[in-house]
């Protein structure tokens, strides 16, 4: 089967790619440059795709409005905060909806059967487009369009520790992945993504190969 993979260069999307490959899917990766402050995650995504020996395309998006702290240079990346009552400023409005729409167009053009997204609804920052309701709603949209394409989110109900353990079995090159919201020489260790990644490796009782 042909499948389109949303590849960000992070831990979840890399695991998603290798999961699809383990199920014998013929994978095509889409990597998005949507104006994020740093391009490190794009370079990492390209390295992961090349290591997996799969085709990839970089999609450039120019959105002329506020995109949250990940893309707005006037906003700082917030530190991790437990039990947050509001969406963090790192939330990019409509990001996964946009990504899936581009993936849908690409999937139709190459007659692909599936779109894989590394969304996770347990160890995440509370983004509304990472929840089961969102994935189900998008699949309902595809059915309304009489399409046989499905959005698959195999990591949706897994903790970060469970994702990492699965990835180790699949030989995911975690040393190539980048999760930090900042594009520094090394991960900051303070943002939501860094904290959740560290939590996952602790749960898996492993050291993070990207920090060695």
N, C-alpha and C. Protein backbone atom coordinates (compact mmCIF):
# COMPACT_ATOMS: atom_id res chain seq x y z
N UNK A 1 0.83 -1.19 0.00
CA UNK A 1 0.00 0.00 0.00
C UNK A 1 0.87 1.25 0.00
N UNK A 2 0.41 2.27 -0.70
CA UNK A 2 1.08 3.56 -0.67
C UNK A 2 0.56 4.36 0.52
N UNK A 3 1.47 5.02 1.22
CA UNK A 3 1.08 5.83 2.37
C UNK A 3 1.90 7.11 2.43
N UNK A 4 1.23 8.19 2.82
CA UNK A 4 1.88 9.48 3.01
C UNK A 4 2.15 9.64 4.50
N UNK A 5 3.38 10.01 4.85
CA UNK A 5 3.78 10.17 6.25
C UNK A 5 4.06 11.64 6.53
N UNK A 6 3.43 12.19 7.55
CA UNK A 6 3.77 13.54 7.99
C UNK A 6 5.01 13.43 8.87
N UNK A 7 6.14 13.94 8.37
CA UNK A 7 7.42 13.77 9.06
C UNK A 7 7.96 15.12 9.51
N UNK A 8 8.06 15.29 10.82
CA UNK A 8 8.53 16.56 11.37
C UNK A 8 9.98 16.52 11.81
N UNK A 9 10.55 15.34 11.92
CA UNK A 9 11.90 15.21 12.45
C UNK A 9 11.92 14.90 13.94
N UNK A 10 10.73 14.86 14.54
CA UNK A 10 10.63 14.56 15.96
C UNK A 10 10.51 13.08 16.25
N UNK A 11 10.46 12.78 17.51
CA UNK A 11 10.42 11.39 17.99
C UNK A 11 9.18 10.65 17.49
N UNK A 12 8.00 11.28 17.62
CA UNK A 12 6.75 10.61 17.28
C UNK A 12 6.63 10.33 15.78
N UNK A 13 6.90 11.34 14.97
CA UNK A 13 6.73 11.14 13.52
C UNK A 13 7.75 10.15 12.96
N UNK A 14 8.96 10.13 13.52
CA UNK A 14 9.96 9.15 13.08
C UNK A 14 9.50 7.73 13.41
N UNK A 15 8.94 7.57 14.61
CA UNK A 15 8.41 6.25 15.00
C UNK A 15 7.26 5.85 14.08
N UNK A 16 6.43 6.82 13.73
CA UNK A 16 5.31 6.57 12.84
C UNK A 16 5.79 6.07 11.47
N UNK A 17 6.82 6.71 10.95
CA UNK A 17 7.39 6.30 9.67
C UNK A 17 7.87 4.86 9.74
N UNK A 18 8.64 4.53 10.75
CA UNK A 18 9.19 3.18 10.85
C UNK A 18 8.11 2.15 11.15
N UNK A 19 7.06 2.56 11.83
CA UNK A 19 5.92 1.66 12.04
C UNK A 19 5.27 1.34 10.70
N UNK A 20 5.04 2.34 9.87
CA UNK A 20 4.44 2.12 8.55
C UNK A 20 5.33 1.22 7.70
N UNK A 21 6.63 1.46 7.75
CA UNK A 21 7.56 0.62 6.99
C UNK A 21 7.52 -0.83 7.47
N UNK A 22 7.37 -1.02 8.78
CA UNK A 22 7.31 -2.39 9.33
C UNK A 22 6.07 -3.13 8.87
N UNK A 23 5.03 -2.37 8.48
CA UNK A 23 3.79 -2.96 7.98
C UNK A 23 3.79 -3.05 6.46
N UNK A 24 4.97 -2.87 5.87
CA UNK A 24 5.18 -3.03 4.43
C UNK A 24 4.48 -1.97 3.58
N UNK A 25 4.31 -0.77 4.14
CA UNK A 25 3.76 0.33 3.36
C UNK A 25 4.86 0.96 2.51
N UNK A 26 4.48 1.38 1.31
CA UNK A 26 5.39 2.14 0.45
C UNK A 26 5.21 3.60 0.84
N UNK A 27 6.20 4.18 1.50
CA UNK A 27 6.03 5.46 2.18
C UNK A 27 6.58 6.65 1.39
N UNK A 28 5.82 7.73 1.44
CA UNK A 28 6.22 9.01 0.88
C UNK A 28 6.08 10.05 1.99
N UNK A 29 7.16 10.74 2.32
CA UNK A 29 7.13 11.68 3.45
C UNK A 29 6.90 13.12 2.99
N UNK A 30 6.09 13.84 3.76
CA UNK A 30 5.92 15.27 3.57
C UNK A 30 6.54 15.97 4.78
N UNK A 31 7.44 16.90 4.51
CA UNK A 31 8.12 17.68 5.54
C UNK A 31 7.72 19.14 5.35
N UNK A 32 7.21 19.77 6.41
CA UNK A 32 6.64 21.11 6.26
C UNK A 32 7.56 22.21 6.82
N UNK A 33 7.78 23.19 5.98
CA UNK A 33 8.44 24.42 6.39
C UNK A 33 7.35 25.49 6.45
N UNK A 34 6.82 25.73 7.65
CA UNK A 34 5.67 26.61 7.79
C UNK A 34 6.04 27.94 8.45
N UNK A 35 7.32 28.24 8.46
CA UNK A 35 7.77 29.49 9.04
C UNK A 35 8.25 29.36 10.47
N UNK A 36 8.53 28.13 10.90
CA UNK A 36 9.04 27.95 12.26
C UNK A 36 10.38 28.66 12.43
N UNK A 37 10.67 29.04 13.68
CA UNK A 37 11.82 29.88 13.97
C UNK A 37 13.15 29.27 13.54
N UNK A 38 13.24 27.97 13.61
CA UNK A 38 14.50 27.32 13.23
C UNK A 38 14.22 26.20 12.24
N UNK A 39 15.22 25.86 11.47
CA UNK A 39 15.07 24.84 10.42
C UNK A 39 15.73 23.52 10.81
N UNK A 40 16.13 23.42 12.07
CA UNK A 40 16.83 22.22 12.51
C UNK A 40 15.95 20.97 12.35
N UNK A 41 14.66 21.10 12.70
CA UNK A 41 13.77 19.93 12.61
C UNK A 41 13.58 19.50 11.15
N UNK A 42 13.66 20.46 10.22
CA UNK A 42 13.53 20.11 8.81
C UNK A 42 14.75 19.30 8.36
N UNK A 43 15.94 19.76 8.77
CA UNK A 43 17.17 19.03 8.43
C UNK A 43 17.15 17.62 9.03
N UNK A 44 16.65 17.51 10.26
CA UNK A 44 16.57 16.20 10.90
C UNK A 44 15.58 15.30 10.17
N UNK A 45 14.45 15.86 9.75
CA UNK A 45 13.44 15.07 9.03
C UNK A 45 14.02 14.53 7.72
N UNK A 46 14.77 15.38 7.02
CA UNK A 46 15.41 14.95 5.77
C UNK A 46 16.40 13.82 6.05
N UNK A 47 17.18 13.95 7.12
CA UNK A 47 18.15 12.90 7.47
C UNK A 47 17.46 11.59 7.80
N UNK A 48 16.32 11.67 8.50
CA UNK A 48 15.56 10.46 8.85
C UNK A 48 15.01 9.80 7.60
N UNK A 49 14.44 10.60 6.69
CA UNK A 49 13.89 10.06 5.45
C UNK A 49 14.98 9.39 4.61
N UNK A 50 16.14 10.02 4.55
CA UNK A 50 17.25 9.44 3.79
C UNK A 50 17.74 8.15 4.42
N UNK A 51 17.81 8.13 5.75
CA UNK A 51 18.24 6.92 6.46
C UNK A 51 17.26 5.77 6.21
N UNK A 52 15.98 6.11 6.18
CA UNK A 52 14.94 5.08 5.94
C UNK A 52 14.82 4.74 4.45
N UNK A 53 15.50 5.51 3.61
CA UNK A 53 15.48 5.30 2.16
C UNK A 53 14.07 5.42 1.59
N UNK A 54 13.41 6.49 1.98
CA UNK A 54 12.07 6.75 1.45
C UNK A 54 12.06 8.11 0.76
N UNK A 55 11.13 8.28 -0.17
CA UNK A 55 11.00 9.55 -0.88
C UNK A 55 10.41 10.61 0.06
N UNK A 56 10.80 11.85 -0.18
CA UNK A 56 10.26 12.93 0.65
C UNK A 56 10.14 14.20 -0.18
N UNK A 57 9.24 15.05 0.26
CA UNK A 57 9.05 16.37 -0.33
C UNK A 57 9.00 17.39 0.80
N UNK A 58 9.61 18.54 0.60
CA UNK A 58 9.51 19.65 1.55
C UNK A 58 8.44 20.61 1.04
N UNK A 59 7.43 20.86 1.86
CA UNK A 59 6.33 21.75 1.49
C UNK A 59 6.53 23.08 2.21
N UNK A 60 6.61 24.16 1.45
CA UNK A 60 6.79 25.48 2.01
C UNK A 60 5.45 26.20 2.13
N UNK A 61 5.12 26.61 3.35
CA UNK A 61 3.88 27.34 3.60
C UNK A 61 4.21 28.75 4.08
N UNK A 62 3.52 29.73 3.53
CA UNK A 62 3.70 31.12 3.96
C UNK A 62 2.35 31.61 4.48
N UNK A 63 2.21 31.66 5.80
CA UNK A 63 0.96 32.08 6.42
C UNK A 63 1.16 33.47 7.02
N UNK A 64 0.50 34.48 6.49
CA UNK A 64 0.77 35.87 6.90
C UNK A 64 0.00 36.32 8.13
N UNK A 65 -0.13 35.44 9.10
CA UNK A 65 -0.78 35.83 10.36
C UNK A 65 -0.07 35.15 11.53
N UNK A 66 -0.49 35.49 12.74
CA UNK A 66 0.18 34.95 13.92
C UNK A 66 0.15 33.44 13.98
N UNK A 67 1.31 32.86 14.25
CA UNK A 67 1.43 31.40 14.27
C UNK A 67 1.88 30.87 15.62
N UNK A 68 1.74 31.64 16.65
CA UNK A 68 2.17 31.17 17.96
C UNK A 68 3.67 31.30 18.14
N UNK A 69 4.13 30.88 19.29
CA UNK A 69 5.53 31.08 19.67
C UNK A 69 6.52 30.28 18.82
N UNK A 70 6.04 29.24 18.14
CA UNK A 70 6.96 28.44 17.32
C UNK A 70 7.40 29.18 16.07
N UNK A 71 6.59 30.14 15.62
CA UNK A 71 6.92 30.84 14.38
C UNK A 71 7.02 32.35 14.53
N UNK A 72 6.39 32.90 15.54
CA UNK A 72 6.40 34.34 15.75
C UNK A 72 7.66 34.74 16.51
N UNK A 73 8.54 35.49 15.85
CA UNK A 73 9.83 35.85 16.45
C UNK A 73 9.68 36.80 17.64
N UNK A 74 8.52 37.43 17.76
CA UNK A 74 8.30 38.36 18.88
C UNK A 74 7.87 37.64 20.16
N UNK A 75 7.60 36.33 20.04
CA UNK A 75 7.14 35.56 21.20
C UNK A 75 8.23 34.59 21.65
N UNK A 76 8.37 34.42 22.95
CA UNK A 76 9.37 33.50 23.49
C UNK A 76 8.74 32.12 23.71
N UNK A 77 9.57 31.10 23.64
CA UNK A 77 9.12 29.73 23.89
C UNK A 77 8.92 29.57 25.40
N UNK A 78 7.74 29.19 25.84
CA UNK A 78 7.52 29.05 27.29
C UNK A 78 8.16 27.80 27.86
N UNK A 79 8.46 27.84 29.12
CA UNK A 79 8.97 26.65 29.81
C UNK A 79 7.80 25.71 30.10
N UNK A 80 8.12 24.47 30.34
CA UNK A 80 7.11 23.46 30.62
C UNK A 80 6.34 23.80 31.90
N UNK A 81 5.05 23.56 31.86
CA UNK A 81 4.21 23.81 33.04
C UNK A 81 3.17 22.72 33.15
N UNK A 82 3.16 22.03 34.29
CA UNK A 82 2.18 20.95 34.49
C UNK A 82 0.82 21.54 34.80
N UNK A 83 -0.23 20.75 34.44
CA UNK A 83 -1.61 21.13 34.73
C UNK A 83 -1.96 22.52 34.18
N UNK A 84 -1.48 22.79 33.00
CA UNK A 84 -1.77 24.07 32.36
C UNK A 84 -3.26 24.14 32.01
N UNK A 85 -3.89 25.26 32.31
CA UNK A 85 -5.33 25.41 32.09
C UNK A 85 -5.67 25.94 30.70
N UNK A 86 -4.68 26.51 30.04
CA UNK A 86 -4.92 27.08 28.72
C UNK A 86 -3.92 26.50 27.72
N UNK A 87 -4.24 26.62 26.43
CA UNK A 87 -3.31 26.17 25.41
C UNK A 87 -2.01 26.95 25.51
N UNK A 88 -0.87 26.26 25.40
CA UNK A 88 0.41 26.98 25.44
C UNK A 88 0.58 27.83 24.18
N UNK A 89 1.43 28.82 24.26
CA UNK A 89 1.65 29.72 23.12
C UNK A 89 2.34 29.01 21.96
N UNK A 90 2.83 27.78 22.18
CA UNK A 90 3.46 27.01 21.10
C UNK A 90 2.43 26.37 20.17
N UNK A 91 1.16 26.45 20.53
CA UNK A 91 0.11 25.92 19.66
C UNK A 91 0.04 26.76 18.38
N UNK A 92 0.11 26.08 17.22
CA UNK A 92 0.00 26.75 15.93
C UNK A 92 -1.42 26.53 15.41
N UNK A 93 -2.24 27.57 15.32
CA UNK A 93 -3.64 27.41 14.91
C UNK A 93 -3.81 26.67 13.59
N UNK A 94 -4.57 25.57 13.65
CA UNK A 94 -4.91 24.83 12.44
C UNK A 94 -3.78 24.05 11.80
N UNK A 95 -2.66 23.91 12.50
CA UNK A 95 -1.48 23.29 11.85
C UNK A 95 -1.75 21.88 11.34
N UNK A 96 -2.26 21.00 12.18
CA UNK A 96 -2.48 19.63 11.73
C UNK A 96 -3.58 19.55 10.67
N UNK A 97 -4.56 20.46 10.75
CA UNK A 97 -5.60 20.49 9.71
C UNK A 97 -4.99 20.85 8.37
N UNK A 98 -4.11 21.84 8.36
CA UNK A 98 -3.41 22.23 7.14
C UNK A 98 -2.53 21.10 6.62
N UNK A 99 -1.74 20.50 7.52
CA UNK A 99 -0.83 19.43 7.11
C UNK A 99 -1.61 18.26 6.50
N UNK A 100 -2.70 17.88 7.16
CA UNK A 100 -3.50 16.75 6.66
C UNK A 100 -4.14 17.09 5.32
N UNK A 101 -4.52 18.34 5.12
CA UNK A 101 -5.13 18.74 3.86
C UNK A 101 -4.12 18.66 2.71
N UNK A 102 -2.89 19.11 2.96
CA UNK A 102 -1.84 18.96 1.96
C UNK A 102 -1.56 17.48 1.71
N UNK A 103 -1.52 16.69 2.79
CA UNK A 103 -1.26 15.26 2.65
C UNK A 103 -2.38 14.58 1.87
N UNK A 104 -3.62 15.03 2.09
CA UNK A 104 -4.76 14.47 1.35
C UNK A 104 -4.62 14.74 -0.14
N UNK A 105 -4.28 15.98 -0.48
CA UNK A 105 -4.11 16.33 -1.89
C UNK A 105 -3.01 15.48 -2.53
N UNK A 106 -1.90 15.34 -1.81
CA UNK A 106 -0.79 14.53 -2.31
C UNK A 106 -1.20 13.06 -2.42
N UNK A 107 -1.89 12.55 -1.40
CA UNK A 107 -2.32 11.15 -1.39
C UNK A 107 -3.23 10.85 -2.59
N UNK A 108 -4.16 11.77 -2.86
CA UNK A 108 -5.04 11.57 -4.01
C UNK A 108 -4.24 11.56 -5.31
N UNK A 109 -3.25 12.44 -5.41
CA UNK A 109 -2.49 12.56 -6.66
C UNK A 109 -1.64 11.34 -6.95
N UNK A 110 -1.18 10.65 -5.89
CA UNK A 110 -0.34 9.46 -6.11
C UNK A 110 -1.11 8.17 -5.85
N UNK A 111 -2.43 8.33 -5.62
CA UNK A 111 -3.30 7.18 -5.35
C UNK A 111 -2.83 6.37 -4.13
N UNK A 112 -2.54 7.11 -3.06
CA UNK A 112 -2.14 6.47 -1.80
C UNK A 112 -3.37 6.04 -1.02
N UNK A 113 -3.19 5.06 -0.15
CA UNK A 113 -4.29 4.51 0.63
C UNK A 113 -4.44 5.14 2.00
N UNK A 114 -3.30 5.62 2.56
CA UNK A 114 -3.31 6.09 3.95
C UNK A 114 -2.48 7.34 4.13
N UNK A 115 -2.80 8.06 5.20
CA UNK A 115 -1.98 9.17 5.68
C UNK A 115 -1.64 8.88 7.13
N UNK A 116 -0.36 8.83 7.45
CA UNK A 116 0.08 8.57 8.82
C UNK A 116 0.45 9.87 9.50
N UNK A 117 -0.05 10.04 10.72
CA UNK A 117 0.30 11.21 11.53
C UNK A 117 0.71 10.72 12.92
N UNK A 118 1.76 11.32 13.47
CA UNK A 118 2.28 10.88 14.77
C UNK A 118 1.59 11.54 15.94
N UNK A 119 0.30 11.85 15.81
CA UNK A 119 -0.44 12.49 16.90
C UNK A 119 -0.49 11.59 18.12
N UNK A 120 -0.42 12.23 19.29
CA UNK A 120 -0.42 11.49 20.55
C UNK A 120 -1.29 12.24 21.55
N UNK A 121 -2.23 11.54 22.17
CA UNK A 121 -3.21 12.21 23.04
C UNK A 121 -2.95 11.99 24.53
N UNK A 122 -1.83 11.37 24.87
CA UNK A 122 -1.54 11.12 26.30
C UNK A 122 -0.43 12.05 26.78
N UNK A 123 0.80 11.83 26.33
CA UNK A 123 1.91 12.70 26.72
C UNK A 123 2.07 13.80 25.66
N UNK A 124 1.27 14.86 25.77
CA UNK A 124 1.33 15.95 24.81
C UNK A 124 0.98 17.24 25.52
N UNK A 125 0.99 18.36 24.77
CA UNK A 125 0.82 19.66 25.40
C UNK A 125 -0.62 20.15 25.43
N UNK A 126 -1.57 19.28 25.12
CA UNK A 126 -2.97 19.67 25.15
C UNK A 126 -3.51 20.24 23.86
N UNK A 127 -2.75 20.10 22.76
CA UNK A 127 -3.21 20.64 21.49
C UNK A 127 -4.50 19.93 21.05
N UNK A 128 -5.53 20.67 20.63
CA UNK A 128 -6.80 20.03 20.25
C UNK A 128 -6.72 19.16 19.00
N UNK A 129 -5.72 19.42 18.14
CA UNK A 129 -5.61 18.63 16.91
C UNK A 129 -4.70 17.41 17.08
N UNK A 130 -4.49 16.99 18.34
CA UNK A 130 -3.77 15.74 18.63
C UNK A 130 -4.68 14.75 19.36
N UNK A 131 -5.98 15.01 19.37
CA UNK A 131 -6.93 14.20 20.12
C UNK A 131 -7.66 13.22 19.22
N UNK A 132 -8.16 12.12 19.78
CA UNK A 132 -8.90 11.13 18.98
C UNK A 132 -10.09 11.74 18.24
N UNK A 133 -10.77 12.71 18.88
CA UNK A 133 -11.94 13.33 18.25
C UNK A 133 -11.56 14.01 16.94
N UNK A 134 -10.38 14.62 16.93
CA UNK A 134 -9.92 15.30 15.71
C UNK A 134 -9.64 14.30 14.59
N UNK A 135 -8.93 13.23 14.92
CA UNK A 135 -8.62 12.20 13.91
C UNK A 135 -9.90 11.57 13.38
N UNK A 136 -10.84 11.26 14.27
CA UNK A 136 -12.11 10.68 13.85
C UNK A 136 -12.88 11.63 12.95
N UNK A 137 -12.89 12.92 13.31
CA UNK A 137 -13.61 13.91 12.51
C UNK A 137 -13.00 14.03 11.12
N UNK A 138 -11.67 13.98 11.04
CA UNK A 138 -11.04 14.10 9.72
C UNK A 138 -11.35 12.88 8.86
N UNK A 139 -11.38 11.71 9.47
CA UNK A 139 -11.76 10.51 8.72
C UNK A 139 -13.21 10.57 8.27
N UNK A 140 -14.07 11.18 9.07
CA UNK A 140 -15.46 11.38 8.66
C UNK A 140 -15.53 12.29 7.43
N UNK A 141 -14.68 13.31 7.42
CA UNK A 141 -14.60 14.21 6.26
C UNK A 141 -14.21 13.43 5.01
N UNK A 142 -13.23 12.54 5.14
CA UNK A 142 -12.78 11.75 3.99
C UNK A 142 -13.91 10.85 3.47
N UNK A 143 -14.70 10.32 4.39
CA UNK A 143 -15.84 9.50 3.97
C UNK A 143 -16.90 10.34 3.26
N UNK A 144 -17.09 11.57 3.73
CA UNK A 144 -18.04 12.49 3.07
C UNK A 144 -17.59 12.80 1.64
N UNK A 145 -16.29 12.77 1.42
CA UNK A 145 -15.74 13.03 0.08
C UNK A 145 -15.70 11.77 -0.77
N UNK A 146 -16.23 10.66 -0.22
CA UNK A 146 -16.24 9.36 -0.92
C UNK A 146 -14.84 8.89 -1.28
N UNK A 147 -13.90 9.18 -0.38
CA UNK A 147 -12.53 8.75 -0.59
C UNK A 147 -12.24 7.49 0.21
N UNK A 148 -11.37 6.66 -0.31
CA UNK A 148 -10.98 5.44 0.39
C UNK A 148 -9.67 5.63 1.15
N UNK A 149 -9.25 6.87 1.29
CA UNK A 149 -8.03 7.20 2.04
C UNK A 149 -8.38 7.30 3.52
N UNK A 150 -7.49 6.79 4.37
CA UNK A 150 -7.70 6.87 5.82
C UNK A 150 -6.54 7.58 6.50
N UNK A 151 -6.86 8.33 7.54
CA UNK A 151 -5.83 8.90 8.40
C UNK A 151 -5.56 7.91 9.52
N UNK A 152 -4.32 7.49 9.66
CA UNK A 152 -3.93 6.53 10.69
C UNK A 152 -3.02 7.21 11.70
N UNK A 153 -3.34 7.03 12.97
CA UNK A 153 -2.54 7.60 14.06
C UNK A 153 -2.20 6.48 15.04
N UNK A 154 -1.25 5.63 14.70
CA UNK A 154 -0.96 4.44 15.51
C UNK A 154 -0.41 4.72 16.90
N UNK A 155 0.04 5.96 17.16
CA UNK A 155 0.63 6.30 18.46
C UNK A 155 -0.36 7.05 19.35
N UNK A 156 -1.57 7.20 18.89
CA UNK A 156 -2.53 8.10 19.52
C UNK A 156 -2.75 7.83 21.00
N UNK A 157 -2.79 6.55 21.38
CA UNK A 157 -3.12 6.18 22.76
C UNK A 157 -1.92 5.64 23.54
N UNK A 158 -0.71 5.95 23.07
CA UNK A 158 0.50 5.46 23.73
C UNK A 158 1.17 6.58 24.52
N UNK A 159 1.80 6.23 25.62
CA UNK A 159 2.63 7.19 26.34
C UNK A 159 3.95 7.34 25.60
N UNK A 160 4.71 8.40 25.94
CA UNK A 160 6.01 8.58 25.30
C UNK A 160 6.92 7.39 25.56
N UNK A 161 6.86 6.83 26.76
CA UNK A 161 7.68 5.66 27.07
C UNK A 161 7.31 4.48 26.19
N UNK A 162 6.03 4.26 25.97
CA UNK A 162 5.59 3.16 25.11
C UNK A 162 5.99 3.39 23.66
N UNK A 163 5.93 4.65 23.23
CA UNK A 163 6.34 4.98 21.86
C UNK A 163 7.82 4.68 21.67
N UNK A 164 8.64 5.05 22.63
CA UNK A 164 10.07 4.82 22.53
C UNK A 164 10.40 3.33 22.53
N UNK A 165 9.73 2.57 23.36
CA UNK A 165 9.95 1.12 23.39
C UNK A 165 9.57 0.49 22.05
N UNK A 166 8.46 0.96 21.47
CA UNK A 166 8.06 0.47 20.15
C UNK A 166 9.11 0.85 19.11
N UNK A 167 9.58 2.09 19.18
CA UNK A 167 10.58 2.56 18.22
C UNK A 167 11.88 1.79 18.29
N UNK A 168 12.28 1.39 19.48
CA UNK A 168 13.50 0.60 19.62
C UNK A 168 13.39 -0.74 18.91
N UNK A 169 12.20 -1.35 19.01
CA UNK A 169 11.96 -2.62 18.31
C UNK A 169 12.01 -2.42 16.79
N UNK A 170 11.59 -1.23 16.36
CA UNK A 170 11.55 -0.93 14.93
C UNK A 170 12.87 -0.35 14.41
N UNK A 171 13.85 -0.17 15.35
CA UNK A 171 15.16 0.38 15.00
C UNK A 171 15.06 1.83 14.47
N UNK A 172 14.24 2.62 15.13
CA UNK A 172 14.13 4.04 14.78
C UNK A 172 15.44 4.75 15.16
N UNK A 173 16.03 5.54 14.28
CA UNK A 173 17.28 6.23 14.59
C UNK A 173 17.01 7.47 15.46
N UNK A 174 16.74 7.24 16.73
CA UNK A 174 16.38 8.34 17.62
C UNK A 174 17.49 9.36 17.79
N UNK A 175 18.73 8.95 17.49
CA UNK A 175 19.84 9.90 17.58
C UNK A 175 19.72 11.01 16.53
N UNK A 176 18.94 10.76 15.50
CA UNK A 176 18.75 11.77 14.45
C UNK A 176 17.58 12.70 14.72
N UNK A 177 16.72 12.34 15.67
CA UNK A 177 15.50 13.12 15.89
C UNK A 177 15.77 14.39 16.71
N UNK A 178 14.89 15.37 16.51
CA UNK A 178 14.99 16.64 17.23
C UNK A 178 13.60 17.01 17.73
N UNK A 179 13.45 17.19 19.02
CA UNK A 179 12.15 17.50 19.61
C UNK A 179 12.06 18.92 20.16
N UNK A 180 13.18 19.52 20.48
CA UNK A 180 13.19 20.83 21.15
C UNK A 180 12.56 21.91 20.28
N UNK A 181 11.80 22.79 20.92
CA UNK A 181 11.17 23.91 20.21
C UNK A 181 12.18 24.99 19.84
N UNK A 182 13.35 24.95 20.44
CA UNK A 182 14.39 25.93 20.13
C UNK A 182 15.44 25.29 19.22
N UNK A 183 16.01 26.07 18.35
CA UNK A 183 16.99 25.55 17.40
C UNK A 183 18.42 25.76 17.86
N UNK A 184 18.71 25.49 19.11
CA UNK A 184 20.05 25.70 19.67
C UNK A 184 20.97 24.54 19.29
N UNK A 185 22.22 24.65 19.70
CA UNK A 185 23.18 23.59 19.41
C UNK A 185 22.78 22.29 20.09
N UNK A 186 22.15 22.41 21.26
CA UNK A 186 21.67 21.25 22.02
C UNK A 186 20.26 21.54 22.52
N UNK A 187 19.46 20.50 22.78
CA UNK A 187 18.11 20.72 23.31
C UNK A 187 18.12 21.54 24.59
N UNK A 188 17.12 22.43 24.75
CA UNK A 188 17.11 23.32 25.91
C UNK A 188 16.78 22.60 27.21
N UNK A 189 16.01 21.52 27.12
CA UNK A 189 15.64 20.75 28.30
C UNK A 189 14.55 21.40 29.14
N UNK A 190 14.00 22.53 28.67
CA UNK A 190 13.02 23.26 29.47
C UNK A 190 11.63 23.37 28.82
N UNK A 191 11.55 23.31 27.51
CA UNK A 191 10.27 23.46 26.83
C UNK A 191 9.42 22.21 26.99
N UNK A 192 8.14 22.31 26.64
CA UNK A 192 7.23 21.17 26.76
C UNK A 192 7.76 19.92 26.06
N UNK A 193 8.21 20.12 24.83
CA UNK A 193 8.65 18.98 24.03
C UNK A 193 9.86 18.28 24.64
N UNK A 194 10.82 19.07 25.14
CA UNK A 194 12.00 18.49 25.79
C UNK A 194 11.61 17.71 27.04
N UNK A 195 10.73 18.31 27.85
CA UNK A 195 10.31 17.66 29.09
C UNK A 195 9.57 16.36 28.83
N UNK A 196 8.69 16.35 27.83
CA UNK A 196 7.93 15.14 27.52
C UNK A 196 8.84 14.06 26.93
N UNK A 197 9.79 14.47 26.13
CA UNK A 197 10.75 13.52 25.58
C UNK A 197 11.58 12.89 26.70
N UNK A 198 12.07 13.72 27.62
CA UNK A 198 12.87 13.21 28.74
C UNK A 198 12.05 12.25 29.60
N UNK A 199 10.79 12.58 29.83
CA UNK A 199 9.89 11.72 30.59
C UNK A 199 9.76 10.35 29.91
N UNK A 200 9.65 10.36 28.58
CA UNK A 200 9.51 9.11 27.84
C UNK A 200 10.73 8.22 27.98
N UNK A 201 11.93 8.81 27.87
CA UNK A 201 13.14 8.00 27.99
C UNK A 201 13.32 7.49 29.42
N UNK A 202 12.88 8.28 30.41
CA UNK A 202 12.92 7.78 31.79
C UNK A 202 12.00 6.59 31.96
N UNK A 203 10.79 6.69 31.41
CA UNK A 203 9.83 5.59 31.50
C UNK A 203 10.34 4.34 30.81
N UNK A 204 11.08 4.54 29.72
CA UNK A 204 11.64 3.40 28.99
C UNK A 204 12.95 2.91 29.61
N UNK A 205 13.40 3.62 30.66
CA UNK A 205 14.63 3.27 31.37
C UNK A 205 15.83 3.29 30.42
N UNK A 206 15.90 4.34 29.62
CA UNK A 206 16.97 4.48 28.64
C UNK A 206 17.50 5.90 28.66
N UNK A 207 18.73 6.06 28.17
CA UNK A 207 19.28 7.40 27.98
C UNK A 207 18.94 7.85 26.57
N UNK A 208 18.76 9.14 26.40
CA UNK A 208 18.40 9.69 25.09
C UNK A 208 19.64 9.72 24.20
N UNK A 209 19.64 8.97 23.09
CA UNK A 209 20.82 8.93 22.22
C UNK A 209 21.14 10.28 21.57
N UNK A 210 20.14 11.16 21.48
CA UNK A 210 20.38 12.48 20.89
C UNK A 210 21.17 13.40 21.81
N UNK A 211 21.31 13.00 23.09
CA UNK A 211 22.04 13.82 24.05
C UNK A 211 23.45 13.33 24.30
N UNK A 212 23.82 12.23 23.68
CA UNK A 212 25.15 11.67 23.93
C UNK A 212 26.23 12.40 23.17
